[in-house]
Amino acid sequence: MLPVTTVDEYIAQYSPQIQEICQNIRRTIHEAAPAAIEKISYGLPTFHDGENLIHFGVAKKHIGLYPTSSGVAAFAQRLTEYKTSRGAIQLPLTKPIPYDLIREITMFRVQEAKERSPK
């Protein structure tokens, strides 16, 4: 199988149910980061605005959300019901996807990137 080169190609390789979740995550991130451009980085859908803001990816039993270590740390108190690691959050496919939380984490990352920007 050839590596995907666009977010559309990435999403298209999954079942309709997973595609719907991915499209909802994509829309949520775009609402929170309207200036972000989409690309594939590390084999994952990535949203970039001055720096990589957030990635997501499909696993067998969860959606991985990768908002960098600062994005995970800043929301640690609200992520206690999810498995997390330094830069990753696992959103189980057996539970509702927390789109509002994804929006807030993305907005946090947008602000963080703006503050680091040399503008």
Foldseek 3Di string as FASTA:
>chain_A
DDQDWFQVVQLVVDDPVSSVVSVLLVVLLCVLVVPWDWTQDPSFTFTDDLHTQWTWADDDFWIKIFRAQVLCVVCVVVLVVFDDDRGITTGGPVDDDPSVSSSVSSNVSVVVSVVVDPD
